[in-house]
Amino acid sequence: MPEVRRHAGELVTLRADLAEMSLDLRAGGSSAHGGLPEAKALEARLSELISWFSDQGLEVKGVAPLLVDFPAELEGVSVRLCWLEGEPELGWYHRTDLGIVGRRRLPD
């Protein structure tokens, strides 16, 4: 989880920077974060970060908020351990075939 959190923190920061920059560029043509080249660089870095999760065997299910699934098995059933941005630990799961709508706390 420490590496996941480190990468997640960077992703969240980049996501916010890119959102502000995109809005500023559309509204007035300039942004304190830079121009179009900087926006393209942020988009590329965001894509790299999302790829890092996939390279680790993790599934990014959403980026705003960041939702990451960890493939696992629980009592013989295929599940996804489910971490949502801002949660202090990996404490939730859902059956693979249900998705987040079936989200439950991990048993003790």
PDB file of N, CA and C in Angstrom:
ATOM      1  N   MET A   1       0.801  -1.216   0.000  1.00  0.00           N
ATOM      2  CA  MET A   1       0.000   0.000   0.000  1.00  0.00           C
ATOM      3  C   MET A   1       0.845   1.283   0.000  1.00  0.00           C
ATOM      4  N   PRO A   2       2.035   1.285   0.596  1.00  0.00           N
ATOM      5  CA  PRO A   2       2.794   2.542   0.565  1.00  0.00           C
ATOM      6  C   PRO A   2       3.071   3.051  -0.857  1.00  0.00           C
ATOM      7  N   GLU A   3       3.432   2.149  -1.766  1.00  0.00           N
ATOM      8  CA  GLU A   3       3.681   2.572  -3.147  1.00  0.00           C
ATOM      9  C   GLU A   3       2.386   2.990  -3.840  1.00  0.00           C
ATOM     10  N   VAL A   4       1.317   2.295  -3.560  1.00  0.00           N
ATOM     11  CA  VAL A   4       0.024   2.663  -4.133  1.00  0.00           C
ATOM     12  C   VAL A   4      -0.351   4.069  -3.665  1.00  0.00           C
ATOM     13  N   ARG A   5      -0.184   4.324  -2.388  1.00  0.00           N
ATOM     14  CA  ARG A   5      -0.523   5.659  -1.855  1.00  0.00           C
ATOM     15  C   ARG A   5       0.365   6.753  -2.430  1.00  0.00           C
ATOM     16  N   ARG A   6       1.652   6.443  -2.597  1.00  0.00           N
ATOM     17  CA  ARG A   6       2.565   7.438  -3.167  1.00  0.00           C
ATOM     18  C   ARG A   6       2.134   7.796  -4.591  1.00  0.00           C
ATOM     19  N   HIS A   7       1.878   6.784  -5.403  1.00  0.00           N
ATOM     20  CA  HIS A   7       1.446   7.031  -6.771  1.00  0.00           C
ATOM     21  C   HIS A   7       0.057   7.675  -6.809  1.00  0.00           C
ATOM     22  N   ALA A   8      -0.810   7.254  -5.912  1.00  0.00           N
ATOM     23  CA  ALA A   8      -2.152   7.846  -5.843  1.00  0.00           C
ATOM     24  C   ALA A   8      -2.062   9.329  -5.487  1.00  0.00           C
ATOM     25  N   GLY A   9      -1.192   9.674  -4.547  1.00  0.00           N
ATOM     26  CA  GLY A   9      -1.033  11.075  -4.170  1.00  0.00           C
ATOM     27  C   GLY A   9      -0.579  11.932  -5.336  1.00  0.00           C
ATOM     28  N   GLU A  10       0.366  11.417  -6.102  1.00  0.00           N
ATOM     29  CA  GLU A  10       0.823  12.154  -7.276  1.00  0.00           C
ATOM     30  C   GLU A  10      -0.297  12.280  -8.305  1.00  0.00           C
ATOM     31  N   LEU A  11      -1.047  11.206  -8.507  1.00  0.00           N
ATOM     32  CA  LEU A  11      -2.143  11.229  -9.464  1.00  0.00           C
ATOM     33  C   LEU A  11      -3.196  12.269  -9.062  1.00  0.00           C
ATOM     34  N   VAL A  12      -3.543  12.308  -7.794  1.00  0.00           N
ATOM     35  CA  VAL A  12      -4.558  13.253  -7.318  1.00  0.00           C
ATOM     36  C   VAL A  12      -4.090  14.698  -7.529  1.00  0.00           C
ATOM     37  N   THR A  13      -2.826  14.969  -7.238  1.00  0.00           N
ATOM     38  CA  THR A  13      -2.284  16.310  -7.442  1.00  0.00           C
ATOM     39  C   THR A  13      -2.287  16.692  -8.912  1.00  0.00           C
ATOM     40  N   LEU A  14      -1.823  15.786  -9.763  1.00  0.00           N
ATOM     41  CA  LEU A  14      -1.811  16.052 -11.202  1.00  0.00           C
ATOM     42  C   LEU A  14      -3.213  16.242 -11.751  1.00  0.00           C
ATOM     43  N   ARG A  15      -4.142  15.433 -11.262  1.00  0.00           N
ATOM     44  CA  ARG A  15      -5.537  15.545 -11.696  1.00  0.00           C
ATOM     45  C   ARG A  15      -6.078  16.950 -11.411  1.00  0.00           C
ATOM     46  N   ALA A  16      -5.806  17.452 -10.211  1.00  0.00           N
ATOM     47  CA  ALA A  16      -6.275  18.794  -9.836  1.00  0.00           C
ATOM     48  C   ALA A  16      -5.582  19.873 -10.664  1.00  0.00           C
ATOM     49  N   ASP A  17      -4.264  19.744 -10.832  1.00  0.00           N
ATOM     50  CA  ASP A  17      -3.522  20.724 -11.643  1.00  0.00           C
ATOM     51  C   ASP A  17      -4.056  20.757 -13.072  1.00  0.00           C
ATOM     52  N   LEU A  18      -4.278  19.580 -13.638  1.00  0.00           N
ATOM     53  CA  LEU A  18      -4.761  19.512 -15.016  1.00  0.00           C
ATOM     54  C   LEU A  18      -6.178  20.081 -15.132  1.00  0.00           C
ATOM     55  N   ALA A  19      -7.026  19.817 -14.155  1.00  0.00           N
ATOM     56  CA  ALA A  19      -8.390  20.360 -14.186  1.00  0.00           C
ATOM     57  C   ALA A  19      -8.362  21.887 -14.157  1.00  0.00           C
ATOM     58  N   GLU A  20      -7.545  22.451 -13.258  1.00  0.00           N
ATOM     59  CA  GLU A  20      -7.438  23.917 -13.179  1.00  0.00           C
ATOM     60  C   GLU A  20      -6.871  24.487 -14.471  1.00  0.00           C
ATOM     61  N   MET A  21      -5.799  23.862 -14.943  1.00  0.00           N
ATOM     62  CA  MET A  21      -5.152  24.359 -16.152  1.00  0.00           C
ATOM     63  C   MET A  21      -6.104  24.305 -17.347  1.00  0.00           C
ATOM     64  N   SER A  22      -6.812  23.216 -17.496  1.00  0.00           N
ATOM     65  CA  SER A  22      -7.737  23.074 -18.629  1.00  0.00           C
ATOM     66  C   SER A  22      -8.829  24.127 -18.586  1.00  0.00           C
ATOM     67  N   LEU A  23      -9.394  24.343 -17.393  1.00  0.00           N
ATOM     68  CA  LEU A  23     -10.431  25.360 -17.259  1.00  0.00           C
ATOM     69  C   LEU A  23      -9.883  26.744 -17.584  1.00  0.00           C
ATOM     70  N   ASP A  24      -8.724  27.066 -17.026  1.00  0.00           N
ATOM     71  CA  ASP A  24      -8.108  28.376 -17.277  1.00  0.00           C
ATOM     72  C   ASP A  24      -7.810  28.582 -18.759  1.00  0.00           C
ATOM     73  N   LEU A  25      -7.279  27.552 -19.405  1.00  0.00           N
ATOM     74  CA  LEU A  25      -6.929  27.678 -20.823  1.00  0.00           C
ATOM     75  C   LEU A  25      -8.178  27.856 -21.686  1.00  0.00           C
ATOM     76  N   ARG A  26      -9.257  27.146 -21.341  1.00  0.00           N
ATOM     77  CA  ARG A  26     -10.504  27.309 -22.102  1.00  0.00           C
ATOM     78  C   ARG A  26     -11.123  28.685 -21.867  1.00  0.00           C
ATOM     79  N   ALA A  27     -11.030  29.165 -20.637  1.00  0.00           N
ATOM     80  CA  ALA A  27     -11.682  30.437 -20.287  1.00  0.00           C
ATOM     81  C   ALA A  27     -10.906  31.657 -20.767  1.00  0.00           C
ATOM     82  N   GLY A  28      -9.599  31.614 -20.623  1.00  0.00           N
ATOM     83  CA  GLY A  28      -8.859  32.826 -20.933  1.00  0.00           C
ATOM     84  C   GLY A  28      -7.597  32.636 -21.740  1.00  0.00           C
ATOM     85  N   GLY A  29      -7.283  31.430 -22.053  1.00  0.00           N
ATOM     86  CA  GLY A  29      -6.108  31.189 -22.882  1.00  0.00           C
ATOM     87  C   GLY A  29      -4.798  31.104 -22.130  1.00  0.00           C
ATOM     88  N   SER A  30      -4.824  31.341 -20.796  1.00  0.00           N
ATOM     89  CA  SER A  30      -3.582  31.228 -20.028  1.00  0.00           C
ATOM     90  C   SER A  30      -3.887  30.670 -18.644  1.00  0.00           C
ATOM     91  N   SER A  31      -2.846  30.111 -18.055  1.00  0.00           N
ATOM     92  CA  SER A  31      -2.996  29.519 -16.726  1.00  0.00           C
ATOM     93  C   SER A  31      -1.704  29.713 -15.950  1.00  0.00           C
ATOM     94  N   ALA A  32      -1.834  29.834 -14.640  1.00  0.00           N
ATOM     95  CA  ALA A  32      -0.654  29.928 -13.780  1.00  0.00           C
ATOM     96  C   ALA A  32       0.172  28.642 -13.843  1.00  0.00           C
ATOM     97  N   HIS A  33      -0.468  27.531 -14.259  1.00  0.00           N
ATOM     98  CA  HIS A  33       0.220  26.245 -14.350  1.00  0.00           C
ATOM     99  C   HIS A  33       0.935  26.059 -15.686  1.00  0.00           C
ATOM    100  N   GLY A  34       0.709  26.965 -16.639  1.00  0.00           N
ATOM    101  CA  GLY A  34       1.357  26.849 -17.938  1.00  0.00           C
ATOM    102  C   GLY A  34       0.361  26.893 -19.066  1.00  0.00           C
ATOM    103  N   GLY A  35       0.858  26.552 -20.239  1.00  0.00           N
ATOM    104  CA  GLY A  35       0.026  26.576 -21.435  1.00  0.00           C
ATOM    105  C   GLY A  35      -0.238  25.183 -21.961  1.00  0.00           C
ATOM    106  N   LEU A  36      -0.556  25.111 -23.239  1.00  0.00           N
ATOM    107  CA  LEU A  36      -0.897  23.848 -23.875  1.00  0.00           C
ATOM    108  C   LEU A  36       0.225  22.808 -23.773  1.00  0.00           C
ATOM    109  N   PRO A  37       1.495  23.184 -23.964  1.00  0.00           N
ATOM    110  CA  PRO A  37       2.553  22.161 -23.827  1.00  0.00           C
ATOM    111  C   PRO A  37       2.602  21.542 -22.425  1.00  0.00           C
ATOM    112  N   GLU A  38       2.409  22.371 -21.414  1.00  0.00           N
ATOM    113  CA  GLU A  38       2.414  21.871 -20.040  1.00  0.00           C
ATOM    114  C   GLU A  38       1.196  20.986 -19.766  1.00  0.00           C
ATOM    115  N   ALA A  39       0.060  21.358 -20.349  1.00  0.00           N
ATOM    116  CA  ALA A  39      -1.140  20.540 -20.197  1.00  0.00           C
ATOM    117  C   ALA A  39      -0.927  19.168 -20.827  1.00  0.00           C
ATOM    118  N   LYS A  40      -0.322  19.134 -22.005  1.00  0.00           N
ATOM    119  CA  LYS A  40      -0.041  17.857 -22.665  1.00  0.00           C
ATOM    120  C   LYS A  40       0.941  17.030 -21.837  1.00  0.00           C
ATOM    121  N   ALA A  41       1.910  17.683 -21.213  1.00  0.00           N
ATOM    122  CA  ALA A  41       2.867  16.968 -20.365  1.00  0.00           C
ATOM    123  C   ALA A  41       2.160  16.376 -19.141  1.00  0.00           C
ATOM    124  N   LEU A  42       1.226  17.124 -18.548  1.00  0.00           N
ATOM    125  CA  LEU A  42       0.463  16.611 -17.408  1.00  0.00           C
ATOM    126  C   LEU A  42      -0.401  15.427 -17.831  1.00  0.00           C
ATOM    127  N   GLU A  43      -1.027  15.521 -18.993  1.00  0.00           N
ATOM    128  CA  GLU A  43      -1.830  14.406 -19.488  1.00  0.00           C
ATOM    129  C   GLU A  43      -0.973  13.157 -19.679  1.00  0.00           C
ATOM    130  N   ALA A  44       0.228  13.337 -20.219  1.00  0.00           N
ATOM    131  CA  ALA A  44       1.127  12.199 -20.438  1.00  0.00           C
ATOM    132  C   ALA A  44       1.543  11.585 -19.110  1.00  0.00           C
ATOM    133  N   ARG A  45       1.863  12.418 -18.131  1.00  0.00           N
ATOM    134  CA  ARG A  45       2.269  11.896 -16.823  1.00  0.00           C
ATOM    135  C   ARG A  45       1.104  11.187 -16.146  1.00  0.00           C
ATOM    136  N   LEU A  46      -0.092  11.725 -16.271  1.00  0.00           N
ATOM    137  CA  LEU A  46      -1.281  11.086 -15.705  1.00  0.00           C
ATOM    138  C   LEU A  46      -1.479   9.700 -16.330  1.00  0.00           C
ATOM    139  N   SER A  47      -1.305   9.614 -17.621  1.00  0.00           N
ATOM    140  CA  SER A  47      -1.417   8.323 -18.314  1.00  0.00           C
ATOM    141  C   SER A  47      -0.353   7.345 -17.819  1.00  0.00           C
ATOM    142  N   GLU A  48       0.872   7.821 -17.598  1.00  0.00           N
ATOM    143  CA  GLU A  48       1.947   6.974 -17.063  1.00  0.00           C
ATOM    144  C   GLU A  48       1.592   6.445 -15.679  1.00  0.00           C
ATOM    145  N   LEU A  49       1.029   7.303 -14.850  1.00  0.00           N
ATOM    146  CA  LEU A  49       0.651   6.888 -13.499  1.00  0.00           C
ATOM    147  C   LEU A  49      -0.442   5.828 -13.532  1.00  0.00           C
ATOM    148  N   ILE A  50      -1.432   6.012 -14.379  1.00  0.00           N
ATOM    149  CA  ILE A  50      -2.496   5.015 -14.497  1.00  0.00           C
ATOM    150  C   ILE A  50      -1.906   3.696 -14.989  1.00  0.00           C
ATOM    151  N   SER A  51      -0.962   3.769 -15.918  1.00  0.00           N
ATOM    152  CA  SER A  51      -0.297   2.557 -16.413  1.00  0.00           C
ATOM    153  C   SER A  51       0.497   1.868 -15.309  1.00  0.00           C
ATOM    154  N   TRP A  52       1.075   2.631 -14.395  1.00  0.00           N
ATOM    155  CA  TRP A  52       1.823   2.023 -13.286  1.00  0.00           C
ATOM    156  C   TRP A  52       0.921   1.086 -12.498  1.00  0.00           C
ATOM    157  N   PHE A  53      -0.303   1.510 -12.210  1.00  0.00           N
ATOM    158  CA  PHE A  53      -1.229   0.666 -11.464  1.00  0.00           C
ATOM    159  C   PHE A  53      -1.490  -0.631 -12.232  1.00  0.00           C
ATOM    160  N   SER A  54      -1.761  -0.515 -13.519  1.00  0.00           N
ATOM    161  CA  SER A  54      -2.000  -1.701 -14.347  1.00  0.00           C
ATOM    162  C   SER A  54      -0.787  -2.616 -14.361  1.00  0.00           C
ATOM    163  N   ASP A  55       0.398  -2.042 -14.445  1.00  0.00           N
ATOM    164  CA  ASP A  55       1.631  -2.834 -14.446  1.00  0.00           C
ATOM    165  C   ASP A  55       1.800  -3.622 -13.152  1.00  0.00           C
ATOM    166  N   GLN A  56       1.190  -3.162 -12.073  1.00  0.00           N
ATOM    167  CA  GLN A  56       1.258  -3.851 -10.779  1.00  0.00           C
ATOM    168  C   GLN A  56       0.152  -4.903 -10.640  1.00  0.00           C
ATOM    169  N   GLY A  57      -0.679  -5.045 -11.682  1.00  0.00           N
ATOM    170  CA  GLY A  57      -1.785  -5.996 -11.631  1.00  0.00           C
ATOM    171  C   GLY A  57      -3.029  -5.423 -10.976  1.00  0.00           C
ATOM    172  N   LEU A  58      -3.053  -4.114 -10.793  1.00  0.00           N
ATOM    173  CA  LEU A  58      -4.187  -3.437 -10.165  1.00  0.00           C
ATOM    174  C   LEU A  58      -5.093  -2.846 -11.235  1.00  0.00           C
ATOM    175  N   GLU A  59      -6.322  -2.598 -10.872  1.00  0.00           N
ATOM    176  CA  GLU A  59      -7.306  -2.065 -11.811  1.00  0.00           C
ATOM    177  C   GLU A  59      -7.765  -0.693 -11.343  1.00  0.00           C
ATOM    178  N   VAL A  60      -7.534   0.330 -12.161  1.00  0.00           N
ATOM    179  CA  VAL A  60      -8.050   1.663 -11.867  1.00  0.00           C
ATOM    180  C   VAL A  60      -9.463   1.719 -12.422  1.00  0.00           C
ATOM    181  N   LYS A  61     -10.428   1.834 -11.526  1.00  0.00           N
ATOM    182  CA  LYS A  61     -11.839   1.839 -11.918  1.00  0.00           C
ATOM    183  C   LYS A  61     -12.400   3.248 -12.064  1.00  0.00           C
ATOM    184  N   GLY A  62     -11.703   4.226 -11.518  1.00  0.00           N
ATOM    185  CA  GLY A  62     -12.124   5.611 -11.635  1.00  0.00           C
ATOM    186  C   GLY A  62     -10.986   6.521 -11.221  1.00  0.00           C
ATOM    187  N   VAL A  63     -10.963   7.733 -11.775  1.00  0.00           N
ATOM    188  CA  VAL A  63      -9.889   8.664 -11.414  1.00  0.00           C
ATOM    189  C   VAL A  63     -10.380   9.865 -10.616  1.00  0.00           C
ATOM    190  N   ALA A  64     -11.685  10.076 -10.552  1.00  0.00           N
ATOM    191  CA  ALA A  64     -12.208  11.202  -9.778  1.00  0.00           C
ATOM    192  C   ALA A  64     -13.522  10.791  -9.125  1.00  0.00           C
ATOM    193  N   PRO A  65     -13.498  10.246  -7.946  1.00  0.00           N
ATOM    194  CA  PRO A  65     -12.323   9.989  -7.114  1.00  0.00           C
ATOM    195  C   PRO A  65     -11.565   8.744  -7.602  1.00  0.00           C
ATOM    196  N   LEU A  66     -10.322   8.662  -7.192  1.00  0.00           N
ATOM    197  CA  LEU A  66      -9.491   7.520  -7.563  1.00  0.00           C
ATOM    198  C   LEU A  66     -10.016   6.267  -6.876  1.00  0.00           C
ATOM    199  N   LEU A  67     -10.286   5.245  -7.666  1.00  0.00           N
ATOM    200  CA  LEU A  67     -10.791   3.974  -7.165  1.00  0.00           C
ATOM    201  C   LEU A  67      -9.920   2.869  -7.749  1.00  0.00           C
ATOM    202  N   VAL A  68      -9.282   2.103  -6.874  1.00  0.00           N
ATOM    203  CA  VAL A  68      -8.356   1.057  -7.301  1.00  0.00           C
ATOM    204  C   VAL A  68      -8.822  -0.283  -6.747  1.00  0.00           C
ATOM    205  N   ASP A  69      -8.881  -1.281  -7.638  1.00  0.00           N
ATOM    206  CA  ASP A  69      -9.237  -2.637  -7.249  1.00  0.00           C
ATOM    207  C   ASP A  69      -8.002  -3.539  -7.299  1.00  0.00           C
ATOM    208  N   PHE A  70      -7.912  -4.416  -6.294  1.00  0.00           N
ATOM    209  CA  PHE A  70      -6.835  -5.390  -6.176  1.00  0.00           C
ATOM    210  C   PHE A  70      -7.453  -6.771  -6.364  1.00  0.00           C
ATOM    211  N   PRO A  71      -7.184  -7.467  -7.470  1.00  0.00           N
ATOM    212  CA  PRO A  71      -7.747  -8.801  -7.650  1.00  0.00           C
ATOM    213  C   PRO A  71      -7.335  -9.737  -6.508  1.00  0.00           C
ATOM    214  N   ALA A  72      -8.292 -10.509  -6.005  1.00  0.00           N
ATOM    215  CA  ALA A  72      -8.032 -11.415  -4.887  1.00  0.00           C
ATOM    216  C   ALA A  72      -9.083 -12.518  -4.873  1.00  0.00           C
ATOM    217  N   GLU A  73      -8.926 -13.401  -3.911  1.00  0.00           N
ATOM    218  CA  GLU A  73      -9.902 -14.457  -3.691  1.00  0.00           C
ATOM    219  C   GLU A  73     -10.227 -14.468  -2.208  1.00  0.00           C
ATOM    220  N   LEU A  74     -11.503 -14.579  -1.891  1.00  0.00           N
ATOM    221  CA  LEU A  74     -11.960 -14.601  -0.503  1.00  0.00           C
ATOM    222  C   LEU A  74     -12.922 -15.770  -0.350  1.00  0.00           C
ATOM    223  N   GLU A  75     -12.533 -16.724   0.475  1.00  0.00           N
ATOM    224  CA  GLU A  75     -13.355 -17.922   0.714  1.00  0.00           C
ATOM    225  C   GLU A  75     -13.754 -18.604  -0.595  1.00  0.00           C
ATOM    226  N   GLY A  76     -12.793 -18.689  -1.511  1.00  0.00           N
ATOM    227  CA  GLY A  76     -13.013 -19.371  -2.772  1.00  0.00           C
ATOM    228  C   GLY A  76     -13.765 -18.574  -3.825  1.00  0.00           C
ATOM    229  N   VAL A  77     -14.065 -17.317  -3.549  1.00  0.00           N
ATOM    230  CA  VAL A  77     -14.817 -16.467  -4.476  1.00  0.00           C
ATOM    231  C   VAL A  77     -13.893 -15.377  -5.017  1.00  0.00           C
ATOM    232  N   SER A  78     -13.954 -15.143  -6.320  1.00  0.00           N
ATOM    233  CA  SER A  78     -13.188 -14.071  -6.944  1.00  0.00           C
ATOM    234  C   SER A  78     -13.738 -12.725  -6.479  1.00  0.00           C
ATOM    235  N   VAL A  79     -12.866 -11.922  -5.889  1.00  0.00           N
ATOM    236  CA  VAL A  79     -13.262 -10.610  -5.379  1.00  0.00           C
ATOM    237  C   VAL A  79     -12.242  -9.570  -5.812  1.00  0.00           C
ATOM    238  N   ARG A  80     -12.578  -8.343  -5.551  1.00  0.00           N
ATOM    239  CA  ARG A  80     -11.656  -7.227  -5.717  1.00  0.00           C
ATOM    240  C   ARG A  80     -11.577  -6.509  -4.381  1.00  0.00           C
ATOM    241  N   LEU A  81     -10.374  -6.456  -3.819  1.00  0.00           N
ATOM    242  CA  LEU A  81     -10.163  -5.590  -2.667  1.00  0.00           C
ATOM    243  C   LEU A  81     -10.231  -4.182  -3.230  1.00  0.00           C
ATOM    244  N   CYS A  82     -10.918  -3.311  -2.552  1.00  0.00           N
ATOM    245  CA  CYS A  82     -11.339  -2.045  -3.135  1.00  0.00           C
ATOM    246  C   CYS A  82     -10.835  -0.878  -2.282  1.00  0.00           C
ATOM    247  N   TRP A  83     -10.037  -0.007  -2.871  1.00  0.00           N
ATOM    248  CA  TRP A  83      -9.517   1.160  -2.161  1.00  0.00           C
ATOM    249  C   TRP A  83      -9.984   2.421  -2.870  1.00  0.00           C
ATOM    250  N   LEU A  84     -10.586   3.309  -2.120  1.00  0.00           N
ATOM    251  CA  LEU A  84     -11.099   4.574  -2.631  1.00  0.00           C
ATOM    252  C   LEU A  84     -10.254   5.706  -2.064  1.00  0.00           C
ATOM    253  N   GLU A  85      -9.885   6.611  -2.911  1.00  0.00           N
ATOM    254  CA  GLU A  85      -9.097   7.781  -2.518  1.00  0.00           C
ATOM    255  C   GLU A  85      -9.592   8.342  -1.185  1.00  0.00           C
ATOM    256  N   GLY A  86      -8.648   8.572  -0.280  1.00  0.00           N
ATOM    257  CA  GLY A  86      -8.978   9.148   1.020  1.00  0.00           C
ATOM    258  C   GLY A  86      -9.171   8.127   2.126  1.00  0.00           C
ATOM    259  N   GLU A  87      -9.338   6.860   1.764  1.00  0.00           N
ATOM    260  CA  GLU A  87      -9.502   5.841   2.800  1.00  0.00           C
ATOM    261  C   GLU A  87      -8.146   5.541   3.439  1.00  0.00           C
ATOM    262  N   PRO A  88      -8.128   5.347   4.758  1.00  0.00           N
ATOM    263  CA  PRO A  88      -6.856   5.161   5.455  1.00  0.00           C
ATOM    264  C   PRO A  88      -6.209   3.793   5.225  1.00  0.00           C
ATOM    265  N   GLU A  89      -7.017   2.805   4.805  1.00  0.00           N
ATOM    266  CA  GLU A  89      -6.478   1.459   4.617  1.00  0.00           C
ATOM    267  C   GLU A  89      -7.296   0.713   3.579  1.00  0.00           C
ATOM    268  N   LEU A  90      -6.789  -0.457   3.223  1.00  0.00           N
ATOM    269  CA  LEU A  90      -7.492  -1.337   2.306  1.00  0.00           C
ATOM    270  C   LEU A  90      -8.437  -2.187   3.147  1.00  0.00           C
ATOM    271  N   GLY A  91      -9.683  -1.766   3.280  1.00  0.00           N
ATOM    272  CA  GLY A  91     -10.600  -2.420   4.196  1.00  0.00           C
ATOM    273  C   GLY A  91     -11.920  -2.852   3.585  1.00  0.00           C
ATOM    274  N   TRP A  92     -12.042  -2.799   2.260  1.00  0.00           N
ATOM    275  CA  TRP A  92     -13.296  -3.118   1.601  1.00  0.00           C
ATOM    276  C   TRP A  92     -13.059  -4.111   0.473  1.00  0.00           C
ATOM    277  N   TYR A  93     -14.106  -4.804   0.080  1.00  0.00           N
ATOM    278  CA  TYR A  93     -14.044  -5.708  -1.064  1.00  0.00           C
ATOM    279  C   TYR A  93     -15.416  -5.763  -1.726  1.00  0.00           C
ATOM    280  N   HIS A  94     -15.432  -6.297  -2.919  1.00  0.00           N
ATOM    281  CA  HIS A  94     -16.689  -6.624  -3.592  1.00  0.00           C
ATOM    282  C   HIS A  94     -16.454  -7.811  -4.492  1.00  0.00           C
ATOM    283  N   ARG A  95     -17.502  -8.579  -4.722  1.00  0.00           N
ATOM    284  CA  ARG A  95     -17.384  -9.681  -5.661  1.00  0.00           C
ATOM    285  C   ARG A  95     -17.020  -9.123  -7.030  1.00  0.00           C
ATOM    286  N   THR A  96     -16.202  -9.849  -7.743  1.00  0.00           N
ATOM    287  CA  THR A  96     -15.757  -9.403  -9.061  1.00  0.00           C
ATOM    288  C   THR A  96     -16.928  -9.137  -9.987  1.00  0.00           C
ATOM    289  N   ASP A  97     -17.948  -9.972  -9.926  1.00  0.00           N
ATOM    290  CA  ASP A  97     -19.077  -9.832 -10.841  1.00  0.00           C
ATOM    291  C   ASP A  97     -20.072  -8.745 -10.435  1.00  0.00           C
ATOM    292  N   LEU A  98     -19.887  -8.134  -9.270  1.00  0.00           N
ATOM    293  CA  LEU A  98     -20.814  -7.096  -8.820  1.00  0.00           C
ATOM    294  C   LEU A  98     -20.271  -5.680  -8.966  1.00  0.00           C
ATOM    295  N   GLY A  99     -18.993  -5.499  -8.795  1.00  0.00           N
ATOM    296  CA  GLY A  99     -18.457  -4.151  -8.814  1.00  0.00           C
ATOM    297  C   GLY A  99     -18.749  -3.418  -7.514  1.00  0.00           C
ATOM    298  N   ILE A 100     -18.530  -2.128  -7.523  1.00  0.00           N
ATOM    299  CA  ILE A 100     -18.583  -1.337  -6.299  1.00  0.00           C
ATOM    300  C   ILE A 100     -19.970  -1.332  -5.650  1.00  0.00           C
ATOM    301  N   VAL A 101     -21.012  -1.597  -6.406  1.00  0.00           N
ATOM    302  CA  VAL A 101     -22.357  -1.641  -5.827  1.00  0.00           C
ATOM    303  C   VAL A 101     -22.470  -2.738  -4.757  1.00  0.00           C
ATOM    304  N   GLY A 102     -21.616  -3.759  -4.848  1.00  0.00           N
ATOM    305  CA  GLY A 102     -21.627  -4.838  -3.863  1.00  0.00           C
ATOM    306  C   GLY A 102     -20.551  -4.690  -2.815  1.00  0.00           C
ATOM    307  N   ARG A 103     -20.043  -3.497  -2.618  1.00  0.00           N
ATOM    308  CA  ARG A 103     -18.934  -3.241  -1.707  1.00  0.00           C
ATOM    309  C   ARG A 103     -19.300  -3.542  -0.259  1.00  0.00           C
ATOM    310  N   ARG A 104     -18.383  -4.285   0.396  1.00  0.00           N
ATOM    311  CA  ARG A 104     -18.577  -4.668   1.806  1.00  0.00           C
ATOM    312  C   ARG A 104     -17.241  -4.504   2.546  1.00  0.00           C
ATOM    313  N   ARG A 105     -17.327  -4.358   3.870  1.00  0.00           N
ATOM    314  CA  ARG A 105     -16.116  -4.334   4.697  1.00  0.00           C
ATOM    315  C   ARG A 105     -15.478  -5.702   4.681  1.00  0.00           C
ATOM    316  N   LEU A 106     -14.150  -5.734   4.674  1.00  0.00           N
ATOM    317  CA  LEU A 106     -13.440  -7.000   4.792  1.00  0.00           C
ATOM    318  C   LEU A 106     -13.735  -7.618   6.154  1.00  0.00           C
ATOM    319  N   PRO A 107     -13.949  -8.934   6.188  1.00  0.00           N
ATOM    320  CA  PRO A 107     -14.193  -9.572   7.489  1.00  0.00           C
ATOM    321  C   PRO A 107     -12.936  -9.521   8.356  1.00  0.00           C
ATOM    322  N   ASP A 108     -13.127  -9.528   9.661  1.00  0.00           N
ATOM    323  CA  ASP A 108     -11.985  -9.499  10.593  1.00  0.00           C
ATOM    324  C   ASP A 108     -11.206 -10.787  10.560  1.00  0.00           C
TER     325      ASP A 108
END
